[in-house]
C-alpha atoms as a PDB file:
ATOM      1  CA  UNK A   1      46.171 116.604  59.562  1.00  0.00           C
ATOM      2  CA  UNK A   2      45.820 117.251  63.286  1.00  0.00           C
ATOM      3  CA  UNK A   3      42.401 117.713  64.804  1.00  0.00           C
ATOM      4  CA  UNK A   4      43.834 119.410  67.915  1.00  0.00           C
ATOM      5  CA  UNK A   5      42.806 123.080  67.786  1.00  0.00           C
ATOM      6  CA  UNK A   6      45.545 125.687  67.958  1.00  0.00           C
ATOM      7  CA  UNK A   7      46.129 127.484  71.232  1.00  0.00           C
ATOM      8  CA  UNK A   8      44.537 130.896  71.314  1.00  0.00           C
ATOM      9  CA  UNK A   9      47.001 133.381  69.754  1.00  0.00           C
ATOM     10  CA  UNK A  10      46.497 136.526  71.806  1.00  0.00           C
ATOM     11  CA  UNK A  11      47.808 139.737  70.205  1.00  0.00           C
ATOM     12  CA  UNK A  12      50.421 142.119  71.606  1.00  0.00           C
ATOM     13  CA  UNK A  13      47.753 143.626  73.926  1.00  0.00           C
ATOM     14  CA  UNK A  14      46.978 140.110  75.161  1.00  0.00           C
ATOM     15  CA  UNK A  15      43.550 140.218  73.502  1.00  0.00           C
ATOM     16  CA  UNK A  16      41.681 138.104  70.978  1.00  0.00           C
ATOM     17  CA  UNK A  17      38.555 139.006  68.987  1.00  0.00           C
ATOM     18  CA  UNK A  18      35.470 136.976  69.860  1.00  0.00           C
ATOM     19  CA  UNK A  19      32.310 136.828  67.757  1.00  0.00           C
ATOM     20  CA  UNK A  20      29.073 136.074  69.596  1.00  0.00           C
ATOM     21  CA  UNK A  21      26.629 134.124  67.451  1.00  0.00           C
ATOM     22  CA  UNK A  22      23.127 132.983  68.328  1.00  0.00           C
ATOM     23  CA  UNK A  23      23.446 129.217  68.686  1.00  0.00           C
ATOM     24  CA  UNK A  24      19.917 128.588  67.303  1.00  0.00           C
ATOM     25  CA  UNK A  25      19.444 131.126  64.544  1.00  0.00           C
ATOM     26  CA  UNK A  26      23.072 131.619  63.498  1.00  0.00           C
ATOM     27  CA  UNK A  27      22.701 135.407  63.619  1.00  0.00           C
ATOM     28  CA  UNK A  28      25.934 137.256  64.415  1.00  0.00           C
ATOM     29  CA  UNK A  29      25.189 139.263  67.536  1.00  0.00           C
ATOM     30  CA  UNK A  30      28.378 141.139  68.327  1.00  0.00           C
ATOM     31  CA  UNK A  31      32.142 141.336  68.202  1.00  0.00           C
ATOM     32  CA  UNK A  32      34.182 141.992  71.325  1.00  0.00           C
ATOM     33  CA  UNK A  33      37.615 141.148  72.680  1.00  0.00           C
ATOM     34  CA  UNK A  34      38.677 138.674  75.309  1.00  0.00           C
ATOM     35  CA  UNK A  35      41.712 138.402  77.534  1.00  0.00           C
ATOM     36  CA  UNK A  36      42.982 135.131  78.922  1.00  0.00           C
ATOM     37  CA  UNK A  37      41.093 135.887  82.160  1.00  0.00           C
ATOM     38  CA  UNK A  38      37.836 136.648  80.260  1.00  0.00           C
ATOM     39  CA  UNK A  39      38.152 133.349  78.394  1.00  0.00           C
ATOM     40  CA  UNK A  40      38.798 131.476  81.607  1.00  0.00           C
ATOM     41  CA  UNK A  41      35.806 133.053  83.342  1.00  0.00           C
ATOM     42  CA  UNK A  42      33.611 132.257  80.325  1.00  0.00           C
ATOM     43  CA  UNK A  43      34.568 128.569  80.395  1.00  0.00           C
ATOM     44  CA  UNK A  44      34.264 128.409  84.187  1.00  0.00           C
ATOM     45  CA  UNK A  45      30.843 130.093  84.481  1.00  0.00           C
ATOM     46  CA  UNK A  46      29.182 129.400  81.124  1.00  0.00           C
ATOM     47  CA  UNK A  47      28.453 133.129  80.866  1.00  0.00           C
ATOM     48  CA  UNK A  48      30.162 135.324  78.305  1.00  0.00           C
ATOM     49  CA  UNK A  49      32.951 137.515  79.637  1.00  0.00           C
ATOM     50  CA  UNK A  50      34.841 140.069  77.578  1.00  0.00           C
ATOM     51  CA  UNK A  51      37.560 142.671  77.964  1.00  0.00           C
ATOM     52  CA  UNK A  52      36.574 146.296  77.439  1.00  0.00           C
ATOM     53  CA  UNK A  53      39.376 148.091  75.667  1.00  0.00           C
ATOM     54  CA  UNK A  54      37.746 151.496  76.284  1.00  0.00           C
ATOM     55  CA  UNK A  55      37.250 150.913  80.039  1.00  0.00           C
ATOM     56  CA  UNK A  56      40.370 148.726  80.377  1.00  0.00           C
ATOM     57  CA  UNK A  57      38.512 146.104  82.402  1.00  0.00           C
ATOM     58  CA  UNK A  58      36.985 142.686  82.383  1.00  0.00           C
ATOM     59  CA  UNK A  59      33.193 142.546  82.119  1.00  0.00           C
ATOM     60  CA  UNK A  60      30.430 139.963  82.074  1.00  0.00           C
ATOM     61  CA  UNK A  61      27.953 140.497  79.267  1.00  0.00           C
ATOM     62  CA  UNK A  62      24.659 141.538  80.764  1.00  0.00           C
ATOM     63  CA  UNK A  63      25.974 142.220  84.224  1.00  0.00           C
ATOM     64  CA  UNK A  64      24.251 145.620  84.201  1.00  0.00           C
ATOM     65  CA  UNK A  65      21.427 145.068  81.721  1.00  0.00           C
ATOM     66  CA  UNK A  66      20.484 141.526  82.537  1.00  0.00           C
ATOM     67  CA  UNK A  67      20.926 140.607  78.862  1.00  0.00           C
ATOM     68  CA  UNK A  68      23.407 137.810  79.523  1.00  0.00           C
ATOM     69  CA  UNK A  69      24.872 135.374  77.061  1.00  0.00           C
ATOM     70  CA  UNK A  70      24.805 131.721  78.039  1.00  0.00           C
ATOM     71  CA  UNK A  71      27.749 130.199  76.188  1.00  0.00           C
ATOM     72  CA  UNK A  72      26.920 126.787  74.699  1.00  0.00           C
ATOM     73  CA  UNK A  73      30.279 126.328  72.982  1.00  0.00           C
ATOM     74  CA  UNK A  74      33.513 128.205  72.327  1.00  0.00           C
ATOM     75  CA  UNK A  75      35.251 127.581  69.027  1.00  0.00           C
ATOM     76  CA  UNK A  76      38.666 128.692  67.839  1.00  0.00           C
ATOM     77  CA  UNK A  77      39.449 129.487  64.221  1.00  0.00           C
ATOM     78  CA  UNK A  78      42.098 127.622  62.211  1.00  0.00           C
ATOM     79  CA  UNK A  79      44.916 130.034  63.118  1.00  0.00           C
ATOM     80  CA  UNK A  80      43.940 130.454  66.744  1.00  0.00           C
ATOM     81  CA  UNK A  81      43.560 134.219  66.331  1.00  0.00           C
ATOM     82  CA  UNK A  82      39.761 134.516  66.722  1.00  0.00           C
ATOM     83  CA  UNK A  83      37.035 132.894  68.824  1.00  0.00           C
ATOM     84  CA  UNK A  84      33.402 132.148  68.180  1.00  0.00           C
ATOM     85  CA  UNK A  85      31.023 132.063  71.159  1.00  0.00           C
ATOM     86  CA  UNK A  86      27.854 130.154  70.348  1.00  0.00           C
ATOM     87  CA  UNK A  87      25.380 131.672  72.750  1.00  0.00           C
ATOM     88  CA  UNK A  88      21.808 131.615  74.031  1.00  0.00           C
ATOM     89  CA  UNK A  89      21.152 135.370  74.304  1.00  0.00           C
ATOM     90  CA  UNK A  90      18.793 136.763  76.968  1.00  0.00           C
ATOM     91  CA  UNK A  91      17.338 139.982  75.536  1.00  0.00           C
ATOM     92  CA  UNK A  92      19.330 142.169  73.183  1.00  0.00           C
ATOM     93  CA  UNK A  93      23.041 141.752  72.637  1.00  0.00           C
ATOM     94  CA  UNK A  94      23.642 145.352  71.687  1.00  0.00           C
ATOM     95  CA  UNK A  95      23.894 148.095  74.293  1.00  0.00           C
ATOM     96  CA  UNK A  96      21.811 150.293  71.959  1.00  0.00           C
ATOM     97  CA  UNK A  97      18.784 148.023  72.522  1.00  0.00           C
ATOM     98  CA  UNK A  98      18.931 145.836  69.398  1.00  0.00           C
ATOM     99  CA  UNK A  99      19.182 142.067  69.294  1.00  0.00           C
ATOM    100  CA  UNK A 100      22.396 142.332  67.250  1.00  0.00           C
ATOM    101  CA  UNK A 101      25.061 145.057  67.066  1.00  0.00           C
ATOM    102  CA  UNK A 102      24.760 144.662  63.274  1.00  0.00           C
ATOM    103  CA  UNK A 103      21.343 146.345  63.066  1.00  0.00           C
ATOM    104  CA  UNK A 104      22.052 148.858  60.286  1.00  0.00           C
ATOM    105  CA  UNK A 105      23.479 148.889  56.801  1.00  0.00           C
ATOM    106  CA  UNK A 106      26.539 150.818  55.660  1.00  0.00           C
ATOM    107  CA  UNK A 107      24.111 153.446  54.314  1.00  0.00           C
ATOM    108  CA  UNK A 108      22.594 153.856  57.790  1.00  0.00           C
ATOM    109  CA  UNK A 109      19.325 152.042  57.200  1.00  0.00           C
ATOM    110  CA  UNK A 110      18.042 150.361  60.365  1.00  0.00           C
ATOM    111  CA  UNK A 111      17.150 146.760  59.482  1.00  0.00           C
ATOM    112  CA  UNK A 112      15.999 145.490  62.874  1.00  0.00           C
ATOM    113  CA  UNK A 113      13.586 146.347  65.684  1.00  0.00           C
ATOM    114  CA  UNK A 114      14.807 147.740  68.970  1.00  0.00           C
ATOM    115  CA  UNK A 115      14.126 145.310  71.841  1.00  0.00           C
ATOM    116  CA  UNK A 116      14.649 147.692  74.732  1.00  0.00           C
ATOM    117  CA  UNK A 117      15.335 151.337  75.482  1.00  0.00           C
ATOM    118  CA  UNK A 118      18.907 151.689  76.729  1.00  0.00           C
ATOM    119  CA  UNK A 119      17.933 154.720  78.846  1.00  0.00           C
ATOM    120  CA  UNK A 120      15.734 152.393  80.895  1.00  0.00           C
ATOM    121  CA  UNK A 121      18.566 149.885  81.394  1.00  0.00           C
ATOM    122  CA  UNK A 122      21.801 151.844  81.811  1.00  0.00           C
ATOM    123  CA  UNK A 123      22.344 154.710  84.207  1.00  0.00           C
END
């Protein structure tokens, strides 16, 4: 069995899902998509970069809010069709002000504390 990881298998839109996970606690912080350029910028700078499908542009996590993700390691899954960013998160990962984007249950119960008010961060 080979230990060489598979090459990233970008989809037909040239994107790949990437999960950001807190490197210390193991908490899943967010899911976003990366392009080849976003992955290259992440590995070059050590800061998480993603591709916004809604804005159709590359972005650095925390560029506006200051809540950057310092990437300690990038892992690829067994099929090469998903990435895991192990990160040291500054502030909240979620643009709604929570540490994680997964701050509520399917029933709508909020299960986390808000770290910041997004109205104070985003204009």
